[in-house]
C-alpha cells in the first residue's frame, strides 16, 4: 500500500468526512487520493486560513474535518488558529509538508522552516514530526487524539518522509 493511500485510510478510519487542501508538490499523491475517495468531501482552498474556515464550518455542521497544507503558510494561519479553531475548541488535524530543511532546493522555503515549530509551540499546538514512512503508523492515534481533546494538532512530514524533494 502506498503511503498516500495509508494516510487516506487513516483519515477514513478516524471518520474524517471533509478535507481541504492547498496545492503542494510533496502532498500531491495524498491530495489525489483524497480527491478520488468517495467518502471524503474534498474542497481545495486558495489559502490555508481559508481552509481552516472551511474546516470550522464542516465541524459545526457535524462532520470531522482535516486540512492538508505546507508549513510555509503557518504564518497566515495564526489568526484563524487562535481566534477560531482554538477559541471554539475545534479539533483540526493539520497534515503539513515540512519544507526548508537540509537539501531544500528553494531558498525561500528555508526561512519558514526556521519558525514553524516555534510558532506552533507558541500556540500550544501539539506537534508530531514524521521523518520516515514508518512514522505514519502513529497517524491514526494522532487523529483520534485531536478529536478526543478538541484541539488542533500538527503533523509535520518532511522531505525524508516523502523520499526527497
N, C-alpha and C. Protein backbone atom coordinates (compact mmCIF):
# COMPACT_ATOMS: atom_id res chain seq x y z
N UNK A 1 0.84 -1.17 0.00
CA UNK A 1 0.00 0.00 0.00
C UNK A 1 0.90 1.25 0.00
N UNK A 2 0.54 2.23 -0.80
CA UNK A 2 1.32 3.47 -0.84
C UNK A 2 1.10 4.28 0.43
N UNK A 3 2.05 5.13 0.75
CA UNK A 3 1.92 5.99 1.93
C UNK A 3 0.73 6.93 1.76
N UNK A 4 0.48 7.35 0.53
CA UNK A 4 -0.66 8.24 0.26
C UNK A 4 -1.98 7.54 0.63
N UNK A 5 -2.10 6.30 0.22
CA UNK A 5 -3.31 5.53 0.50
C UNK A 5 -3.45 5.27 2.00
N UNK A 6 -2.33 4.98 2.66
CA UNK A 6 -2.37 4.73 4.11
C UNK A 6 -2.87 5.97 4.85
N UNK A 7 -2.41 7.15 4.46
CA UNK A 7 -2.85 8.39 5.11
C UNK A 7 -4.35 8.57 4.93
N UNK A 8 -4.84 8.35 3.72
CA UNK A 8 -6.28 8.50 3.46
C UNK A 8 -7.07 7.43 4.21
N UNK A 9 -6.57 6.21 4.25
CA UNK A 9 -7.25 5.16 5.01
C UNK A 9 -7.35 5.53 6.49
N UNK A 10 -6.30 6.15 7.03
CA UNK A 10 -6.34 6.57 8.43
C UNK A 10 -7.35 7.70 8.63
N UNK A 11 -7.44 8.62 7.67
CA UNK A 11 -8.46 9.67 7.75
C UNK A 11 -9.86 9.06 7.78
N UNK A 12 -10.10 8.11 6.89
CA UNK A 12 -11.40 7.44 6.84
C UNK A 12 -11.65 6.66 8.13
N UNK A 13 -10.63 5.97 8.63
CA UNK A 13 -10.75 5.21 9.87
C UNK A 13 -11.09 6.09 11.06
N UNK A 14 -10.67 7.36 11.01
CA UNK A 14 -10.98 8.32 12.08
C UNK A 14 -12.26 9.08 11.78
N UNK A 15 -13.00 8.63 10.78
CA UNK A 15 -14.29 9.19 10.40
C UNK A 15 -14.21 10.64 9.91
N UNK A 16 -13.10 10.98 9.26
CA UNK A 16 -12.96 12.30 8.64
C UNK A 16 -13.78 12.27 7.35
N UNK A 17 -14.70 13.20 7.22
CA UNK A 17 -15.57 13.25 6.04
C UNK A 17 -15.35 14.46 5.17
N UNK A 18 -14.53 15.42 5.64
CA UNK A 18 -14.26 16.65 4.90
C UNK A 18 -12.77 16.94 4.97
N UNK A 19 -12.16 17.19 3.83
CA UNK A 19 -10.75 17.56 3.78
C UNK A 19 -10.60 18.73 2.82
N UNK A 20 -9.87 19.73 3.27
CA UNK A 20 -9.50 20.81 2.37
C UNK A 20 -7.99 20.77 2.18
N UNK A 21 -7.56 21.15 1.01
CA UNK A 21 -6.14 21.07 0.67
C UNK A 21 -5.69 22.35 -0.02
N UNK A 22 -4.41 22.64 0.12
CA UNK A 22 -3.76 23.71 -0.62
C UNK A 22 -2.66 23.02 -1.44
N UNK A 23 -2.52 23.37 -2.71
CA UNK A 23 -1.56 22.66 -3.57
C UNK A 23 -0.15 22.59 -2.98
N UNK A 24 0.46 21.43 -3.15
CA UNK A 24 1.83 21.19 -2.68
C UNK A 24 2.39 20.02 -3.46
N UNK A 25 3.57 20.20 -4.00
CA UNK A 25 4.22 19.13 -4.77
C UNK A 25 4.41 17.86 -3.94
N UNK A 26 4.86 18.01 -2.70
CA UNK A 26 5.10 16.83 -1.86
C UNK A 26 3.80 16.12 -1.49
N UNK A 27 2.73 16.85 -1.37
CA UNK A 27 1.46 16.27 -0.94
C UNK A 27 0.55 15.87 -2.09
N UNK A 28 1.02 16.01 -3.32
CA UNK A 28 0.18 15.76 -4.50
C UNK A 28 -0.43 14.36 -4.50
N UNK A 29 0.31 13.35 -4.09
CA UNK A 29 -0.22 11.99 -4.06
C UNK A 29 -1.33 11.82 -3.05
N UNK A 30 -1.19 12.42 -1.88
CA UNK A 30 -2.23 12.35 -0.86
C UNK A 30 -3.46 13.13 -1.35
N UNK A 31 -3.23 14.30 -1.92
CA UNK A 31 -4.34 15.10 -2.42
C UNK A 31 -5.12 14.35 -3.48
N UNK A 32 -4.42 13.66 -4.38
CA UNK A 32 -5.10 12.87 -5.41
C UNK A 32 -5.93 11.75 -4.79
N UNK A 33 -5.40 11.09 -3.77
CA UNK A 33 -6.14 10.02 -3.08
C UNK A 33 -7.38 10.57 -2.37
N UNK A 34 -7.22 11.72 -1.71
CA UNK A 34 -8.36 12.37 -1.04
C UNK A 34 -9.43 12.70 -2.06
N UNK A 35 -9.02 13.29 -3.17
CA UNK A 35 -9.95 13.72 -4.21
C UNK A 35 -10.72 12.54 -4.81
N UNK A 36 -10.07 11.40 -4.89
CA UNK A 36 -10.69 10.23 -5.51
C UNK A 36 -11.56 9.42 -4.55
N UNK A 37 -11.44 9.67 -3.24
CA UNK A 37 -12.16 8.84 -2.27
C UNK A 37 -13.63 9.24 -2.19
N UNK A 38 -14.54 8.28 -2.37
CA UNK A 38 -15.97 8.60 -2.38
C UNK A 38 -16.54 9.02 -1.02
N UNK A 39 -15.84 8.71 0.07
CA UNK A 39 -16.36 9.03 1.40
C UNK A 39 -15.82 10.34 1.96
N UNK A 40 -15.03 11.06 1.16
CA UNK A 40 -14.46 12.33 1.61
C UNK A 40 -14.94 13.43 0.68
N UNK A 41 -15.50 14.47 1.27
CA UNK A 41 -15.79 15.68 0.51
C UNK A 41 -14.50 16.49 0.50
N UNK A 42 -13.93 16.66 -0.69
CA UNK A 42 -12.67 17.39 -0.85
C UNK A 42 -12.97 18.75 -1.46
N UNK A 43 -12.60 19.81 -0.74
CA UNK A 43 -12.76 21.17 -1.24
C UNK A 43 -11.39 21.85 -1.22
N UNK A 44 -10.77 22.03 -2.39
CA UNK A 44 -9.49 22.74 -2.42
C UNK A 44 -9.65 24.19 -1.94
N UNK A 45 -8.62 24.70 -1.29
CA UNK A 45 -8.61 26.08 -0.79
C UNK A 45 -7.56 26.89 -1.53
N UNK A 46 -7.79 28.19 -1.59
CA UNK A 46 -6.79 29.09 -2.16
C UNK A 46 -5.69 29.40 -1.15
N UNK A 47 -6.07 29.47 0.13
CA UNK A 47 -5.12 29.79 1.19
C UNK A 47 -5.44 28.93 2.42
N UNK A 48 -4.43 28.74 3.24
CA UNK A 48 -4.59 27.87 4.41
C UNK A 48 -5.58 28.42 5.42
N UNK A 49 -5.59 29.74 5.66
CA UNK A 49 -6.54 30.28 6.63
C UNK A 49 -7.98 30.14 6.13
N UNK A 50 -8.17 30.25 4.83
CA UNK A 50 -9.49 30.00 4.23
C UNK A 50 -9.89 28.55 4.47
N UNK A 51 -8.95 27.64 4.30
CA UNK A 51 -9.22 26.22 4.53
C UNK A 51 -9.61 25.94 5.97
N UNK A 52 -9.00 26.65 6.91
CA UNK A 52 -9.37 26.46 8.31
C UNK A 52 -10.80 26.91 8.57
N UNK A 53 -11.22 27.97 7.89
CA UNK A 53 -12.61 28.40 7.99
C UNK A 53 -13.55 27.34 7.44
N UNK A 54 -13.18 26.72 6.33
CA UNK A 54 -14.00 25.65 5.76
C UNK A 54 -14.09 24.46 6.73
N UNK A 55 -12.96 24.13 7.34
CA UNK A 55 -12.95 23.02 8.31
C UNK A 55 -13.82 23.35 9.53
N UNK A 56 -13.78 24.59 9.98
CA UNK A 56 -14.61 25.01 11.10
C UNK A 56 -16.09 24.85 10.73
N UNK A 57 -16.46 25.26 9.53
CA UNK A 57 -17.84 25.10 9.08
C UNK A 57 -18.27 23.65 9.01
N UNK A 58 -17.39 22.80 8.51
CA UNK A 58 -17.69 21.36 8.45
C UNK A 58 -17.90 20.81 9.85
N UNK A 59 -17.01 21.18 10.78
CA UNK A 59 -17.11 20.70 12.16
C UNK A 59 -18.42 21.16 12.80
N UNK A 60 -18.77 22.43 12.60
CA UNK A 60 -20.02 22.94 13.17
C UNK A 60 -21.24 22.27 12.53
N UNK A 61 -21.06 21.77 11.32
CA UNK A 61 -22.13 21.04 10.65
C UNK A 61 -22.16 19.56 10.99
N UNK A 62 -21.25 19.11 11.86
CA UNK A 62 -21.27 17.73 12.33
C UNK A 62 -20.35 16.77 11.60
N UNK A 63 -19.43 17.30 10.82
CA UNK A 63 -18.51 16.45 10.06
C UNK A 63 -17.07 16.66 10.53
N UNK A 64 -16.37 15.58 10.78
CA UNK A 64 -14.95 15.68 11.13
C UNK A 64 -14.17 16.16 9.91
N UNK A 65 -13.26 17.11 10.15
CA UNK A 65 -12.53 17.74 9.06
C UNK A 65 -11.03 17.69 9.30
N UNK A 66 -10.27 17.87 8.22
CA UNK A 66 -8.80 17.95 8.28
C UNK A 66 -8.33 18.88 7.18
N UNK A 67 -7.15 19.46 7.38
CA UNK A 67 -6.53 20.29 6.35
C UNK A 67 -5.18 19.71 5.99
N UNK A 68 -4.86 19.75 4.70
CA UNK A 68 -3.57 19.30 4.18
C UNK A 68 -2.91 20.52 3.55
N UNK A 69 -1.70 20.87 4.04
CA UNK A 69 -1.09 22.15 3.67
C UNK A 69 0.43 22.11 3.78
N UNK A 70 1.08 23.21 3.41
CA UNK A 70 2.53 23.37 3.57
C UNK A 70 2.84 24.17 4.82
N UNK A 71 4.01 23.95 5.39
CA UNK A 71 4.42 24.74 6.56
C UNK A 71 4.72 26.19 6.21
N UNK A 72 5.00 26.48 4.96
CA UNK A 72 5.37 27.84 4.59
C UNK A 72 4.23 28.83 4.79
N UNK A 73 3.02 28.36 5.02
CA UNK A 73 1.88 29.26 5.24
C UNK A 73 1.42 29.27 6.69
N UNK A 74 2.18 28.68 7.60
CA UNK A 74 1.79 28.70 9.00
C UNK A 74 1.55 30.13 9.47
N UNK A 75 2.37 31.05 9.02
CA UNK A 75 2.24 32.45 9.44
C UNK A 75 0.87 33.04 9.15
N UNK A 76 0.30 32.72 7.99
CA UNK A 76 -1.00 33.29 7.63
C UNK A 76 -2.15 32.61 8.37
N UNK A 77 -1.88 31.53 9.05
CA UNK A 77 -2.96 30.81 9.75
C UNK A 77 -3.08 31.18 11.22
N UNK A 78 -2.16 31.96 11.75
CA UNK A 78 -2.12 32.25 13.18
C UNK A 78 -3.46 32.80 13.69
N UNK A 79 -4.01 33.78 13.01
CA UNK A 79 -5.27 34.38 13.46
C UNK A 79 -6.41 33.36 13.43
N UNK A 80 -6.53 32.61 12.35
CA UNK A 80 -7.59 31.61 12.26
C UNK A 80 -7.43 30.54 13.32
N UNK A 81 -6.20 30.13 13.59
CA UNK A 81 -5.97 29.12 14.62
C UNK A 81 -6.35 29.63 16.01
N UNK A 82 -5.90 30.84 16.35
CA UNK A 82 -6.12 31.36 17.71
C UNK A 82 -7.55 31.81 17.96
N UNK A 83 -8.13 32.54 17.00
CA UNK A 83 -9.43 33.16 17.26
C UNK A 83 -10.63 32.34 16.79
N UNK A 84 -10.39 31.30 16.05
CA UNK A 84 -11.48 30.45 15.59
C UNK A 84 -11.31 29.02 16.11
N UNK A 85 -10.30 28.34 15.62
CA UNK A 85 -10.12 26.92 15.93
C UNK A 85 -9.89 26.70 17.43
N UNK A 86 -8.94 27.42 18.02
CA UNK A 86 -8.66 27.22 19.43
C UNK A 86 -9.72 27.84 20.34
N UNK A 87 -10.16 29.03 20.02
CA UNK A 87 -11.14 29.71 20.87
C UNK A 87 -12.42 28.87 21.03
N UNK A 88 -12.86 28.28 19.92
CA UNK A 88 -14.09 27.48 19.97
C UNK A 88 -13.83 25.99 20.19
N UNK A 89 -12.58 25.66 20.55
CA UNK A 89 -12.19 24.28 20.88
C UNK A 89 -12.59 23.28 19.79
N UNK A 90 -12.15 23.58 18.59
CA UNK A 90 -12.43 22.71 17.45
C UNK A 90 -11.22 21.81 17.18
N UNK A 91 -11.46 20.54 17.01
CA UNK A 91 -10.36 19.66 16.63
C UNK A 91 -10.00 19.92 15.16
N UNK A 92 -8.72 19.97 14.88
CA UNK A 92 -8.30 20.15 13.48
C UNK A 92 -6.96 19.49 13.24
N UNK A 93 -6.97 18.30 12.64
CA UNK A 93 -5.69 17.72 12.23
C UNK A 93 -5.15 18.49 11.04
N UNK A 94 -3.92 18.92 11.17
CA UNK A 94 -3.22 19.62 10.09
C UNK A 94 -2.09 18.72 9.60
N UNK A 95 -2.24 18.18 8.42
CA UNK A 95 -1.18 17.36 7.82
C UNK A 95 -0.35 18.31 6.97
N UNK A 96 0.91 18.49 7.36
CA UNK A 96 1.70 19.59 6.83
C UNK A 96 3.00 19.08 6.21
N UNK A 97 3.21 19.41 4.94
CA UNK A 97 4.52 19.12 4.36
C UNK A 97 5.50 20.13 4.95
N UNK A 98 6.61 19.61 5.45
CA UNK A 98 7.59 20.44 6.15
C UNK A 98 8.75 20.72 5.22
N UNK A 99 8.68 21.86 4.56
CA UNK A 99 9.72 22.26 3.60
C UNK A 99 10.77 23.11 4.30
N UNK A 100 11.98 23.13 3.76
CA UNK A 100 13.01 24.06 4.21
C UNK A 100 14.14 23.47 5.01
N UNK A 101 14.21 22.16 5.13
CA UNK A 101 15.31 21.55 5.87
C UNK A 101 16.47 21.24 4.92
N UNK A 102 17.45 20.51 5.41
CA UNK A 102 18.63 20.18 4.60
C UNK A 102 18.22 19.60 3.26
N UNK A 103 18.84 20.07 2.20
CA UNK A 103 18.56 19.59 0.86
C UNK A 103 17.47 20.36 0.14
N UNK A 104 16.84 21.29 0.82
CA UNK A 104 15.77 22.09 0.21
C UNK A 104 16.31 22.88 -0.98
N UNK A 105 15.71 22.71 -2.17
CA UNK A 105 16.20 23.41 -3.35
C UNK A 105 15.67 24.84 -3.52
N UNK A 106 14.68 25.23 -2.74
CA UNK A 106 14.06 26.55 -2.89
C UNK A 106 14.40 27.39 -1.65
N UNK A 107 15.21 28.41 -1.84
CA UNK A 107 15.74 29.18 -0.71
C UNK A 107 14.66 29.81 0.16
N UNK A 108 13.59 30.30 -0.44
CA UNK A 108 12.58 30.99 0.37
C UNK A 108 11.84 30.03 1.30
N UNK A 109 11.89 28.73 1.04
CA UNK A 109 11.24 27.76 1.92
C UNK A 109 11.98 27.62 3.26
N UNK A 110 13.28 27.90 3.24
CA UNK A 110 14.12 27.68 4.42
C UNK A 110 13.70 28.58 5.58
N UNK A 111 13.41 29.83 5.30
CA UNK A 111 13.11 30.77 6.38
C UNK A 111 11.91 30.35 7.21
N UNK A 112 10.85 29.89 6.58
CA UNK A 112 9.67 29.48 7.36
C UNK A 112 9.93 28.21 8.15
N UNK A 113 10.79 27.34 7.66
CA UNK A 113 11.13 26.13 8.42
C UNK A 113 11.77 26.50 9.75
N UNK A 114 12.52 27.59 9.77
CA UNK A 114 13.16 28.05 10.99
C UNK A 114 12.12 28.44 12.05
N UNK A 115 10.95 28.90 11.60
CA UNK A 115 9.94 29.43 12.51
C UNK A 115 8.75 28.49 12.77
N UNK A 116 8.56 27.49 11.94
CA UNK A 116 7.35 26.65 12.02
C UNK A 116 7.11 26.06 13.40
N UNK A 117 8.07 25.33 13.91
CA UNK A 117 7.88 24.65 15.19
C UNK A 117 7.71 25.64 16.34
N UNK A 118 8.44 26.76 16.29
CA UNK A 118 8.33 27.77 17.35
C UNK A 118 6.94 28.39 17.35
N UNK A 119 6.38 28.67 16.17
CA UNK A 119 5.04 29.25 16.10
C UNK A 119 4.00 28.26 16.63
N UNK A 120 4.11 27.01 16.24
CA UNK A 120 3.17 26.00 16.74
C UNK A 120 3.30 25.83 18.25
N UNK A 121 4.53 25.87 18.76
CA UNK A 121 4.75 25.76 20.20
C UNK A 121 4.17 26.97 20.93
N UNK A 122 4.34 28.16 20.37
CA UNK A 122 3.80 29.36 20.99
C UNK A 122 2.27 29.29 21.11
N UNK A 123 1.63 28.63 20.15
CA UNK A 123 0.18 28.46 20.18
C UNK A 123 -0.25 27.23 21.00
N UNK A 124 0.71 26.52 21.58
CA UNK A 124 0.45 25.31 22.36
C UNK A 124 -0.27 24.24 21.54
N UNK A 125 0.13 24.11 20.29
CA UNK A 125 -0.44 23.10 19.41
C UNK A 125 0.46 21.86 19.43
N UNK A 126 -0.07 20.72 19.87
CA UNK A 126 0.74 19.50 19.83
C UNK A 126 1.25 19.25 18.40
N UNK A 127 2.54 18.94 18.31
CA UNK A 127 3.18 18.80 17.00
C UNK A 127 3.95 17.49 16.95
N UNK A 128 3.76 16.76 15.87
CA UNK A 128 4.45 15.50 15.62
C UNK A 128 5.22 15.65 14.32
N UNK A 129 6.43 15.08 14.26
CA UNK A 129 7.28 15.23 13.10
C UNK A 129 7.59 13.85 12.51
N UNK A 130 7.09 13.60 11.31
CA UNK A 130 7.35 12.34 10.63
C UNK A 130 8.57 12.49 9.72
N UNK A 131 9.59 11.67 9.99
CA UNK A 131 10.81 11.67 9.19
C UNK A 131 10.86 10.49 8.21
N UNK A 132 10.25 9.38 8.60
CA UNK A 132 10.28 8.16 7.80
C UNK A 132 8.86 7.64 7.62
N UNK A 133 8.64 6.87 6.57
CA UNK A 133 7.31 6.32 6.31
C UNK A 133 6.75 5.56 7.51
N UNK A 134 7.62 4.87 8.24
CA UNK A 134 7.17 4.08 9.39
C UNK A 134 6.51 4.97 10.44
N UNK A 135 6.90 6.25 10.50
CA UNK A 135 6.32 7.16 11.48
C UNK A 135 4.81 7.32 11.27
N UNK A 136 4.34 7.10 10.06
CA UNK A 136 2.91 7.24 9.76
C UNK A 136 2.08 6.20 10.50
N UNK A 137 2.72 5.22 11.09
CA UNK A 137 1.99 4.25 11.91
C UNK A 137 1.29 4.91 13.10
N UNK A 138 1.73 6.11 13.48
CA UNK A 138 1.12 6.84 14.59
C UNK A 138 -0.04 7.73 14.17
N UNK A 139 -0.27 7.88 12.87
CA UNK A 139 -1.24 8.87 12.39
C UNK A 139 -2.65 8.61 12.92
N UNK A 140 -3.11 7.39 12.88
CA UNK A 140 -4.48 7.11 13.32
C UNK A 140 -4.68 7.52 14.78
N UNK A 141 -3.70 7.22 15.62
CA UNK A 141 -3.78 7.58 17.04
C UNK A 141 -3.74 9.10 17.21
N UNK A 142 -2.96 9.79 16.42
CA UNK A 142 -2.90 11.25 16.47
C UNK A 142 -4.25 11.84 16.07
N UNK A 143 -4.86 11.29 15.03
CA UNK A 143 -6.18 11.77 14.60
C UNK A 143 -7.21 11.58 15.71
N UNK A 144 -7.22 10.43 16.34
CA UNK A 144 -8.16 10.19 17.42
C UNK A 144 -7.91 11.14 18.59
N UNK A 145 -6.64 11.44 18.85
CA UNK A 145 -6.27 12.36 19.92
C UNK A 145 -6.87 13.74 19.69
N UNK A 146 -6.73 14.26 18.48
CA UNK A 146 -7.24 15.60 18.22
C UNK A 146 -8.75 15.68 18.38
N UNK A 147 -9.47 14.63 17.98
CA UNK A 147 -10.93 14.64 18.14
C UNK A 147 -11.35 14.39 19.58
N UNK A 148 -10.55 13.66 20.33
CA UNK A 148 -10.85 13.40 21.73
C UNK A 148 -10.67 14.67 22.56
N UNK A 149 -9.61 15.44 22.29
CA UNK A 149 -9.32 16.60 23.15
C UNK A 149 -9.77 17.93 22.55
N UNK A 150 -10.38 17.90 21.36
CA UNK A 150 -10.88 19.12 20.71
C UNK A 150 -9.81 20.19 20.59
N UNK A 151 -8.69 19.81 19.99
CA UNK A 151 -7.56 20.72 19.77
C UNK A 151 -7.03 20.53 18.35
N UNK A 152 -6.44 21.59 17.81
CA UNK A 152 -5.70 21.38 16.57
C UNK A 152 -4.42 20.62 16.87
N UNK A 153 -3.99 19.81 15.93
CA UNK A 153 -2.76 19.04 16.04
C UNK A 153 -2.03 19.15 14.71
N UNK A 154 -0.72 19.38 14.77
CA UNK A 154 0.09 19.49 13.57
C UNK A 154 0.92 18.22 13.37
N UNK A 155 0.88 17.68 12.16
CA UNK A 155 1.74 16.55 11.78
C UNK A 155 2.64 17.04 10.66
N UNK A 156 3.90 17.25 10.99
CA UNK A 156 4.89 17.72 10.01
C UNK A 156 5.50 16.52 9.32
N UNK A 157 5.49 16.55 7.99
CA UNK A 157 6.03 15.45 7.19
C UNK A 157 7.13 16.02 6.31
N UNK A 158 8.38 15.69 6.64
CA UNK A 158 9.50 16.33 5.94
C UNK A 158 9.90 15.60 4.66
N UNK A 159 10.92 16.12 4.00
CA UNK A 159 11.35 15.57 2.71
C UNK A 159 11.79 14.11 2.85
N UNK A 160 12.39 13.75 3.98
CA UNK A 160 12.78 12.36 4.20
C UNK A 160 11.58 11.44 4.19
N UNK A 161 10.48 11.90 4.78
CA UNK A 161 9.25 11.14 4.80
C UNK A 161 8.74 10.92 3.37
N UNK A 162 8.83 11.96 2.57
CA UNK A 162 8.33 11.90 1.17
C UNK A 162 9.40 11.39 0.21
N UNK A 163 10.54 10.96 0.72
CA UNK A 163 11.64 10.41 -0.10
C UNK A 163 12.30 11.46 -0.98
N UNK A 164 12.46 12.66 -0.43
CA UNK A 164 13.21 13.71 -1.14
C UNK A 164 12.34 14.82 -1.68
N UNK A 165 13.02 15.81 -2.23
CA UNK A 165 12.31 16.98 -2.77
C UNK A 165 11.91 16.76 -4.18
